[in-house]
Amino acid sequence: MSDPSKGIGGGGGKASVGPNPPPDGSTNGKGGGGSHHHQQPNAASSSTSTSMALCRPILSCFHPSNRNSISRNLCGAGYDSVAETLEYDYAYDDTARGAKEQPLPRIRERGEHYVDSYNGDPWGCGFGTNEESGIWMNSGDQAGTIMAALVWLLMLYSAATVTLLTVTEGIDPMLGMIYCTLCCMALACHAKTSFTDPGSVPRSAVPQESQRRDSASHSMCGQCQTFKPPMSHHCRICNRCVSRMDHHCPWMNNCVGAANLKHFMLFLIYTWTCAAYSLALFGWNYFFCADEDCTFHVIVVHLVRVMTVLCVGAFLFTSSMLMNVTYGLMTGIGTIDRLKKKATNTMSQSDEEPVPLRDVFGVGGYHTWPFPVDPLFEDHDRVVGFSSPQRLAREQSLMERRRPGMPAPDIMPAPTVELPNCVNDFLPV
């Protein structure tokens, strides 16, 4: 059962959905390899279906009895309690005298997604990069903090310059409004990238069932002393292992991983659009407009010249980063892994699969793609590369509540590897 006081996903894009398990009660991957995101419907559980990383620390400051209504009103997280009951009255007492036994909850149609909105991660009103921090914020890198603040300063400078152009009637107000809107979206994506958990690996992380079947041994992080999923790396600045880590970006003051790659890409796209838009606007005014109405104010001219230089640099830099991220999605190889393979001359031996866009932008609908909202992954465990005992326990609980009379699923125990005592001492209980 889910805890209503912890109903805002797992923070940092950890809310997930998954397809309905087969009617016989088994799941994809036979109990661990497919979707580990099952949750028994509960009418008393007012969990939400969307993870809002910025709303999570806010809700932690409120009383648990008020968090459900606040999550719907403040975070825009919708939850249809009637639909999640699956046409079953959980308050009905069929053991009462003379009461008729009601039918069991309907089985979800194949392709109908369910929501695992349980949040088992410890968190509170705090800042940091450890597991107990409610707001993910890297405060140990002073240079990264300065560079991230510089991004905001330059974006606000460009927005102020364009606003002065509209005030002095140098450009049309509608054009200035468009640019300021793009700047606001870019800054929102920057904040979302900086304050979103990039996909840190918790201490309780365990391999997926498919990983246990395909491999007899698994990597462990020497610094975290925990399971290290494939394509993950330990960041010395954030002091955490990050799932599907691409790189640590000083301009974001954060790592770019599986959970915030969408926000990072949106920031690059909006910044590139701002630079291209302003250069086109200034170029049209300088080369093609000979009217006196196109003449800028003498004070604003100097601001425009500085902004032109900044826009040229931003355009070139974001173009390079967009090509780098796009190449990583097409090849399935992140920046760190690509540099390692080039150093050892093993790029030709790569067998990684391309990263589908649904593993970046989620399955929440195309209308959510342009906005910095946490993606809703179809299978969170598959995207991040690890599972958790709590999630597997919820799946097992769902399987044990299968319809009576149906055969039990044929679950073959995966081979386990005996670890040395010196390693077991560091593992969580």
Protein backbone atom coordinates (compact mmCIF):
# COMPACT_ATOMS: atom_id res chain seq x y z
CA MET A 1 0.00 0.00 0.00
CA SER A 2 1.24 3.44 -0.68
CA ASP A 3 1.69 6.11 1.94
CA PRO A 4 -0.50 9.12 1.18
CA SER A 5 2.05 11.37 2.86
CA LYS A 6 4.64 10.33 0.28
CA GLY A 7 2.63 10.59 -2.87
CA ILE A 8 4.73 12.88 -5.04
CA GLY A 9 6.72 10.31 -6.92
CA GLY A 10 10.33 9.75 -6.06
CA GLY A 11 11.67 13.20 -6.74
CA GLY A 12 13.78 14.15 -9.71
CA GLY A 13 11.65 12.40 -12.27
CA LYS A 14 11.20 9.13 -10.45
CA ALA A 15 7.51 8.80 -11.05
CA SER A 16 6.88 6.08 -13.58
CA VAL A 17 4.19 4.19 -15.37
CA GLY A 18 4.13 0.78 -16.88
CA PRO A 19 1.91 -1.52 -18.91
CA ASN A 20 -0.55 -3.85 -17.30
CA PRO A 21 0.84 -7.25 -16.26
CA PRO A 22 -0.50 -10.31 -18.09
CA PRO A 23 -3.81 -11.74 -16.82
CA ASP A 24 -2.10 -14.72 -15.19
CA GLY A 25 -0.51 -12.41 -12.66
CA SER A 26 3.00 -12.64 -14.01
CA THR A 27 4.98 -9.60 -15.06
CA ASN A 28 7.40 -8.79 -17.78
CA GLY A 29 10.76 -10.21 -16.92
CA LYS A 30 9.21 -12.70 -14.47
CA GLY A 31 9.15 -10.62 -11.39
CA GLY A 32 11.86 -8.06 -11.87
CA GLY A 33 13.09 -7.62 -15.40
CA GLY A 34 10.16 -5.77 -16.87
CA SER A 35 8.04 -3.19 -15.12
CA HIS A 36 8.61 -3.04 -11.37
CA HIS A 37 6.06 -0.32 -10.93
CA HIS A 38 2.88 -2.05 -9.87
CA GLN A 39 0.73 -0.66 -7.13
CA GLN A 40 -2.37 -2.17 -5.62
CA PRO A 41 -5.21 0.34 -6.19
CA ASN A 42 -6.35 1.86 -2.95
CA ALA A 43 -9.23 4.29 -2.59
CA ALA A 44 -7.64 5.75 0.53
CA SER A 45 -4.39 6.45 -1.23
CA SER A 46 -4.45 9.90 -2.76
CA SER A 47 -1.12 9.54 -4.52
CA THR A 48 -0.40 11.53 -7.63
CA SER A 49 0.73 10.40 -11.06
CA THR A 50 3.30 13.09 -11.79
CA SER A 51 6.64 13.70 -10.09
CA MET A 52 7.42 17.34 -9.46
CA ALA A 53 10.94 17.68 -8.13
CA LEU A 54 10.49 21.32 -7.20
CA CYS A 55 7.17 20.60 -5.46
CA ARG A 56 8.57 17.73 -3.42
CA PRO A 57 10.50 19.86 -0.87
CA ILE A 58 7.61 22.30 -0.62
CA LEU A 59 5.18 19.52 0.25
CA SER A 60 7.56 18.14 2.87
CA CYS A 61 7.03 21.28 4.91
CA PHE A 62 3.27 20.73 5.18
CA HIS A 63 1.31 18.37 7.38
CA PRO A 64 0.71 14.98 5.70
CA SER A 65 -3.06 15.49 5.84
CA ASN A 66 -2.77 18.59 3.65
CA ARG A 67 -0.22 17.36 1.12
CA ASN A 68 -2.72 15.70 -1.23
CA SER A 69 -4.81 18.81 -1.82
CA ILE A 70 -1.70 20.98 -2.03
CA SER A 71 -0.14 18.66 -4.60
CA ARG A 72 -3.22 18.96 -6.81
CA ASN A 73 -3.57 22.73 -6.49
CA LEU A 74 0.07 23.83 -6.34
CA CYS A 75 1.90 21.21 -8.36
CA GLY A 76 -0.83 20.52 -10.88
CA ALA A 77 -0.58 16.82 -10.16
CA GLY A 78 -3.77 15.08 -11.13
CA TYR A 79 -5.10 11.90 -9.55
CA ASP A 80 -8.38 10.26 -10.45
CA SER A 81 -9.22 8.16 -7.40
CA VAL A 82 -12.34 6.74 -9.06
CA ALA A 83 -10.41 5.44 -12.06
CA GLU A 84 -7.67 3.93 -9.89
CA THR A 85 -10.15 1.82 -7.90
CA LEU A 86 -10.71 -0.30 -11.03
CA GLU A 87 -14.47 -0.53 -10.40
CA TYR A 88 -13.94 -2.03 -6.93
CA ASP A 89 -15.29 -0.67 -3.65
CA TYR A 90 -12.46 -1.05 -1.16
CA ALA A 91 -14.62 0.28 1.68
CA TYR A 92 -17.23 -2.46 1.17
CA ASP A 93 -17.32 -5.07 3.93
CA ASP A 94 -18.23 -8.36 2.29
CA THR A 95 -17.75 -10.23 5.59
CA ALA A 96 -20.79 -8.55 7.12
CA ARG A 97 -23.84 -10.69 7.70
CA GLY A 98 -25.96 -10.98 4.60
CA ALA A 99 -23.44 -9.10 2.44
CA LYS A 100 -22.81 -10.38 -1.05
CA GLU A 101 -19.28 -10.93 -2.25
CA GLN A 102 -18.45 -8.26 -4.79
CA PRO A 103 -16.45 -9.01 -7.94
CA LEU A 104 -12.71 -8.57 -7.82
CA PRO A 105 -11.15 -5.44 -9.37
CA ARG A 106 -11.11 -5.52 -13.11
CA ILE A 107 -7.87 -6.37 -14.84
CA ARG A 108 -6.34 -3.48 -16.71
CA GLU A 109 -6.46 -3.74 -20.46
CA ARG A 110 -3.18 -4.54 -22.17
CA GLY A 111 -1.54 -1.24 -22.96
CA GLU A 112 -3.42 0.58 -20.20
CA HIS A 113 -0.78 2.14 -17.99
CA TYR A 114 -0.73 2.09 -14.24
CA VAL A 115 1.06 4.49 -11.92
CA ASP A 116 3.55 3.74 -9.18
CA SER A 117 3.54 6.99 -7.26
CA TYR A 118 4.92 5.61 -4.01
CA ASN A 119 7.89 7.54 -2.68
CA GLY A 120 10.09 5.45 -0.48
CA ASP A 121 13.03 7.83 -0.50
CA PRO A 122 13.85 9.74 2.70
CA TRP A 123 13.66 13.47 2.20
CA GLY A 124 12.87 16.70 4.00
CA CYS A 125 13.38 20.46 3.90
CA GLY A 126 17.07 20.51 3.06
CA PHE A 127 19.58 21.33 0.35
CA GLY A 128 22.33 19.03 -0.90
CA THR A 129 23.12 15.99 -3.00
CA ASN A 130 22.68 13.24 -0.41
CA GLU A 131 19.66 10.98 -0.21
CA GLU A 132 18.06 12.89 2.66
CA SER A 133 18.08 16.25 0.87
CA GLY A 134 14.67 17.49 -0.24
CA ILE A 135 16.10 19.91 -2.80
CA TRP A 136 18.93 18.69 -4.99
CA MET A 137 21.58 21.41 -5.05
CA ASN A 138 25.31 21.12 -5.53
CA SER A 139 26.88 23.60 -3.12
CA GLY A 140 30.38 22.14 -3.00
CA ASP A 141 31.60 23.60 -6.30
CA GLN A 142 32.09 27.36 -5.99
CA ALA A 143 33.21 27.71 -9.61
CA GLY A 144 30.07 25.93 -10.80
CA THR A 145 27.88 28.17 -8.65
CA ILE A 146 29.47 31.27 -10.18
CA MET A 147 29.09 29.95 -13.72
CA ALA A 148 25.45 29.01 -13.16
CA ALA A 149 24.74 32.48 -11.76
CA LEU A 150 26.53 33.99 -14.75
CA VAL A 151 24.09 32.24 -17.09
CA TRP A 152 21.19 33.95 -15.35
CA LEU A 153 22.98 37.30 -15.41
CA LEU A 154 23.63 37.16 -19.15
CA MET A 155 20.13 35.97 -19.97
CA LEU A 156 18.58 38.73 -17.88
CA TYR A 157 20.92 41.25 -19.52
CA SER A 158 19.78 40.19 -22.98
CA ALA A 159 16.12 40.34 -21.96
CA ALA A 160 16.61 43.83 -20.49
CA THR A 161 18.34 44.99 -23.68
CA VAL A 162 15.50 43.77 -25.88
CA THR A 163 12.99 45.35 -23.50
CA LEU A 164 14.77 48.70 -23.84
CA LEU A 165 14.60 48.33 -27.60
CA THR A 166 10.84 47.94 -27.43
CA VAL A 167 10.51 50.87 -25.01
CA THR A 168 12.55 53.12 -27.30
CA GLU A 169 10.52 51.85 -30.27
CA GLY A 170 13.58 50.29 -31.86
CA ILE A 171 11.73 47.04 -32.52
CA ASP A 172 8.10 45.97 -32.51
CA PRO A 173 6.77 45.15 -29.01
CA MET A 174 5.51 41.76 -30.22
CA LEU A 175 9.04 40.78 -31.27
CA GLY A 176 10.35 41.80 -27.86
CA MET A 177 7.63 39.79 -26.14
CA ILE A 178 8.58 36.69 -28.09
CA TYR A 179 12.23 37.02 -27.11
CA CYS A 180 11.46 37.57 -23.43
CA THR A 181 9.21 34.50 -23.46
CA LEU A 182 12.05 32.40 -24.89
CA CYS A 183 14.38 33.76 -22.22
CA CYS A 184 11.94 32.82 -19.48
CA MET A 185 11.64 29.28 -20.84
CA ALA A 186 15.43 28.97 -21.05
CA LEU A 187 15.88 30.14 -17.45
CA ALA A 188 13.12 27.81 -16.24
CA CYS A 189 14.85 24.87 -17.94
CA HIS A 190 18.18 25.96 -16.44
CA ALA A 191 16.70 26.04 -12.94
CA LYS A 192 15.02 22.69 -13.49
CA THR A 193 18.30 21.14 -14.67
CA SER A 194 20.25 22.56 -11.73
CA PHE A 195 17.79 21.58 -9.00
CA THR A 196 16.72 18.17 -10.32
CA ASP A 197 18.25 14.92 -9.17
CA PRO A 198 20.08 13.76 -12.33
CA GLY A 199 19.44 10.11 -11.51
CA SER A 200 21.54 9.41 -8.45
CA VAL A 201 21.86 5.77 -7.45
CA PRO A 202 20.52 5.15 -3.90
CA ARG A 203 22.21 2.91 -1.39
CA SER A 204 19.38 0.40 -1.71
CA ALA A 205 19.78 -0.03 -5.48
CA VAL A 206 19.83 -3.59 -6.78
CA PRO A 207 20.29 -5.02 -10.29
CA GLN A 208 17.26 -5.70 -12.45
CA GLU A 209 16.20 -9.28 -13.02
CA SER A 210 17.37 -9.13 -16.62
CA GLN A 211 20.80 -7.96 -15.48
CA ARG A 212 21.03 -10.77 -12.96
CA ARG A 213 20.17 -13.35 -15.60
CA ASP A 214 22.56 -12.03 -18.22
CA SER A 215 25.56 -11.44 -15.97
CA ALA A 216 27.11 -13.45 -13.17
CA SER A 217 28.85 -10.40 -11.65
CA HIS A 218 27.97 -6.75 -11.27
CA SER A 219 29.98 -3.59 -10.87
CA MET A 220 30.18 -1.75 -7.59
CA CYS A 221 31.22 1.81 -6.95
CA GLY A 222 34.40 2.07 -4.91
CA GLN A 223 33.35 5.41 -3.42
CA CYS A 224 29.64 4.78 -2.77
CA GLN A 225 30.08 1.06 -1.99
CA THR A 226 26.82 0.34 -3.79
CA PHE A 227 25.66 -1.32 -6.98
CA LYS A 228 26.84 0.60 -10.05
CA PRO A 229 24.36 0.33 -12.95
CA PRO A 230 25.59 0.15 -16.55
CA MET A 231 26.37 3.52 -18.18
CA SER A 232 26.58 5.16 -14.75
CA HIS A 233 29.56 7.06 -13.36
CA HIS A 234 30.61 8.46 -10.02
CA CYS A 235 30.78 12.24 -9.99
CA ARG A 236 33.47 13.52 -7.65
CA ILE A 237 31.82 16.96 -7.50
CA CYS A 238 28.32 15.76 -6.61
CA ASN A 239 29.81 12.80 -4.70
CA ARG A 240 27.13 10.47 -6.06
CA CYS A 241 26.86 7.80 -8.70
CA VAL A 242 24.63 9.11 -11.50
CA SER A 243 22.66 6.78 -13.75
CA ARG A 244 23.34 7.17 -17.48
CA MET A 245 25.59 10.11 -16.71
CA ASP A 246 26.59 12.16 -19.74
CA HIS A 247 28.84 14.72 -18.07
CA HIS A 248 29.03 17.22 -15.22
CA CYS A 249 28.12 20.62 -16.61
CA PRO A 250 29.61 23.58 -14.70
CA TRP A 251 27.12 25.94 -16.39
CA MET A 252 24.32 23.93 -14.77
CA ASN A 253 26.29 23.30 -11.58
CA ASN A 254 24.96 19.76 -11.80
CA CYS A 255 25.44 16.47 -13.56
CA VAL A 256 23.46 15.64 -16.67
CA GLY A 257 21.96 12.19 -16.31
CA ALA A 258 18.91 10.10 -17.08
CA ALA A 259 16.50 12.17 -14.96
CA ASN A 260 17.38 15.71 -16.12
CA LEU A 261 18.59 15.15 -19.68
CA LYS A 262 15.26 16.45 -20.98
CA HIS A 263 15.61 19.75 -19.10
CA PHE A 264 19.20 20.13 -20.27
CA MET A 265 18.22 19.61 -23.90
CA LEU A 266 15.37 22.09 -23.59
CA PHE A 267 17.75 24.67 -22.14
CA LEU A 268 20.11 24.23 -25.09
CA ILE A 269 17.24 24.48 -27.57
CA TYR A 270 15.75 27.60 -26.02
CA THR A 271 19.15 29.28 -25.63
CA TRP A 272 20.05 28.45 -29.24
CA THR A 273 16.68 29.85 -30.36
CA CYS A 274 17.23 33.05 -28.34
CA ALA A 275 20.67 33.59 -29.88
CA ALA A 276 19.50 32.88 -33.43
CA TYR A 277 16.39 35.02 -32.99
CA SER A 278 18.29 38.05 -31.66
CA LEU A 279 21.00 37.78 -34.34
CA ALA A 280 18.34 37.62 -37.05
CA LEU A 281 16.57 40.61 -35.47
CA PHE A 282 19.72 42.70 -35.29
CA GLY A 283 20.86 41.62 -38.74
CA TRP A 284 17.56 42.60 -40.32
CA ASN A 285 17.68 45.98 -38.62
CA TYR A 286 21.29 46.63 -39.67
CA PHE A 287 21.31 45.34 -43.25
CA PHE A 288 17.76 45.54 -44.56
CA CYS A 289 16.02 48.37 -42.72
CA ALA A 290 16.92 51.87 -43.89
CA ASP A 291 13.95 53.61 -42.32
CA GLU A 292 14.48 56.11 -39.51
CA ASP A 293 12.15 54.03 -37.32
CA CYS A 294 14.78 51.29 -37.34
CA THR A 295 17.44 53.49 -35.77
CA PHE A 296 18.27 52.44 -32.23
CA HIS A 297 18.68 54.88 -29.39
CA VAL A 298 22.27 56.05 -28.93
CA ILE A 299 22.53 54.47 -25.46
CA VAL A 300 20.91 51.20 -26.50
CA VAL A 301 23.33 50.83 -29.43
CA HIS A 302 26.21 49.96 -27.09
CA LEU A 303 24.09 47.43 -25.25
CA VAL A 304 23.14 45.83 -28.56
CA ARG A 305 26.78 45.54 -29.60
CA VAL A 306 27.69 43.69 -26.42
CA MET A 307 24.63 41.50 -26.76
CA THR A 308 25.57 40.65 -30.36
CA VAL A 309 28.96 39.34 -29.22
CA LEU A 310 27.30 37.29 -26.47
CA CYS A 311 24.74 35.88 -28.89
CA VAL A 312 27.41 34.79 -31.35
CA GLY A 313 29.27 32.93 -28.59
CA ALA A 314 26.07 31.39 -27.23
CA PHE A 315 24.97 30.31 -30.71
CA LEU A 316 28.24 28.53 -31.44
CA PHE A 317 28.46 26.90 -28.00
CA THR A 318 24.88 25.65 -27.89
CA SER A 319 25.16 24.40 -31.49
CA SER A 320 28.17 22.31 -30.49
CA MET A 321 26.44 20.97 -27.37
CA LEU A 322 23.25 20.12 -29.26
CA MET A 323 25.25 18.13 -31.80
CA ASN A 324 27.08 16.40 -28.95
CA VAL A 325 23.85 15.41 -27.15
CA THR A 326 22.17 14.35 -30.40
CA TYR A 327 25.14 12.16 -31.27
CA GLY A 328 24.93 10.59 -27.83
CA LEU A 329 21.25 9.76 -28.29
CA MET A 330 21.82 8.31 -31.75
CA THR A 331 24.73 6.13 -30.66
CA GLY A 332 23.69 5.43 -27.07
CA ILE A 333 27.14 6.49 -25.86
CA GLY A 334 27.44 9.38 -23.42
CA THR A 335 30.16 11.98 -23.44
CA ILE A 336 32.27 10.32 -20.72
CA ASP A 337 32.00 6.86 -22.29
CA ARG A 338 32.79 8.28 -25.72
CA LEU A 339 35.95 9.96 -24.44
CA LYS A 340 37.03 6.72 -22.77
CA LYS A 341 36.42 4.70 -25.91
CA LYS A 342 38.31 7.19 -28.06
CA ALA A 343 41.22 7.11 -25.63
CA THR A 344 41.41 3.31 -25.90
CA ASN A 345 40.50 3.27 -29.60
CA THR A 346 37.48 1.02 -29.02
CA MET A 347 34.74 3.12 -30.60
CA SER A 348 34.35 0.60 -33.42
CA GLN A 349 33.61 -2.14 -30.88
CA SER A 350 30.65 -0.34 -29.33
CA ASP A 351 27.39 -2.26 -29.24
CA GLU A 352 25.19 0.26 -27.41
CA GLU A 353 21.66 0.84 -28.66
CA PRO A 354 20.30 4.31 -29.52
CA VAL A 355 18.39 6.02 -26.74
CA PRO A 356 14.68 6.36 -27.69
CA LEU A 357 13.11 9.75 -27.16
CA ARG A 358 10.54 8.27 -24.78
CA ASP A 359 13.43 7.52 -22.40
CA VAL A 360 14.27 11.24 -22.42
CA PHE A 361 10.94 13.05 -22.72
CA GLY A 362 8.75 10.32 -21.21
CA VAL A 363 5.35 9.04 -22.25
CA GLY A 364 3.31 11.91 -20.86
CA GLY A 365 2.28 13.23 -24.27
CA TYR A 366 3.87 15.48 -26.86
CA HIS A 367 2.35 18.56 -25.23
CA THR A 368 4.69 18.06 -22.25
CA TRP A 369 7.87 17.97 -24.33
CA PRO A 370 8.47 21.75 -24.65
CA PHE A 371 7.98 22.41 -20.93
CA PRO A 372 10.42 21.76 -18.06
CA VAL A 373 8.26 19.19 -16.26
CA ASP A 374 9.64 15.88 -15.07
CA PRO A 375 9.21 13.10 -17.63
CA LEU A 376 6.96 10.16 -16.83
CA PHE A 377 8.97 7.10 -17.83
CA GLU A 378 7.26 3.99 -19.12
CA ASP A 379 9.65 1.80 -17.14
CA HIS A 380 11.70 3.75 -14.64
CA ASP A 381 13.93 0.80 -13.71
CA ARG A 382 14.90 0.16 -17.32
CA VAL A 383 15.73 3.83 -17.91
CA VAL A 384 17.90 4.30 -14.83
CA GLY A 385 19.38 0.80 -14.94
CA PHE A 386 18.53 -0.38 -11.43
CA SER A 387 15.65 -1.38 -9.21
CA SER A 388 14.98 -1.24 -5.48
CA PRO A 389 13.81 -3.84 -2.96
CA GLN A 390 10.82 -1.67 -2.06
CA ARG A 391 9.64 -1.53 -5.65
CA LEU A 392 10.11 -5.26 -6.10
CA ALA A 393 8.17 -5.89 -2.89
CA ARG A 394 5.25 -3.87 -4.21
CA GLU A 395 5.31 -5.93 -7.40
CA GLN A 396 5.34 -9.15 -5.44
CA SER A 397 2.44 -7.89 -3.34
CA LEU A 398 0.44 -7.26 -6.50
CA MET A 399 1.23 -10.72 -7.85
CA GLU A 400 0.09 -12.36 -4.61
CA ARG A 401 -3.29 -10.65 -5.00
CA ARG A 402 -3.95 -12.26 -8.36
CA ARG A 403 -7.36 -13.72 -9.10
CA PRO A 404 -8.03 -17.04 -7.35
CA GLY A 405 -7.93 -20.15 -9.45
CA MET A 406 -5.30 -18.85 -11.83
CA PRO A 407 -2.01 -20.72 -12.04
CA ALA A 408 0.90 -19.21 -10.22
CA PRO A 409 3.47 -17.52 -12.45
CA ASP A 410 6.48 -19.58 -13.32
CA ILE A 411 9.24 -17.54 -11.71
CA MET A 412 12.64 -19.09 -11.93
CA PRO A 413 15.07 -17.88 -9.26
CA ALA A 414 17.97 -16.07 -10.82
CA PRO A 415 21.47 -17.31 -10.00
CA THR A 416 23.07 -15.32 -7.23
CA VAL A 417 26.71 -14.56 -6.66
CA GLU A 418 28.25 -15.00 -3.25
CA LEU A 419 30.07 -11.82 -2.31
CA PRO A 420 33.04 -11.69 0.05
CA ASN A 421 32.35 -10.68 3.63
CA CYS A 422 34.40 -7.54 3.20
CA VAL A 423 31.95 -6.42 0.50
CA ASN A 424 28.83 -7.55 2.35
CA ASP A 425 29.82 -5.40 5.31
CA PHE A 426 29.43 -2.28 3.17
CA LEU A 427 26.09 -3.25 1.65
CA PRO A 428 22.85 -1.87 3.13
CA VAL A 429 20.73 -4.24 5.12
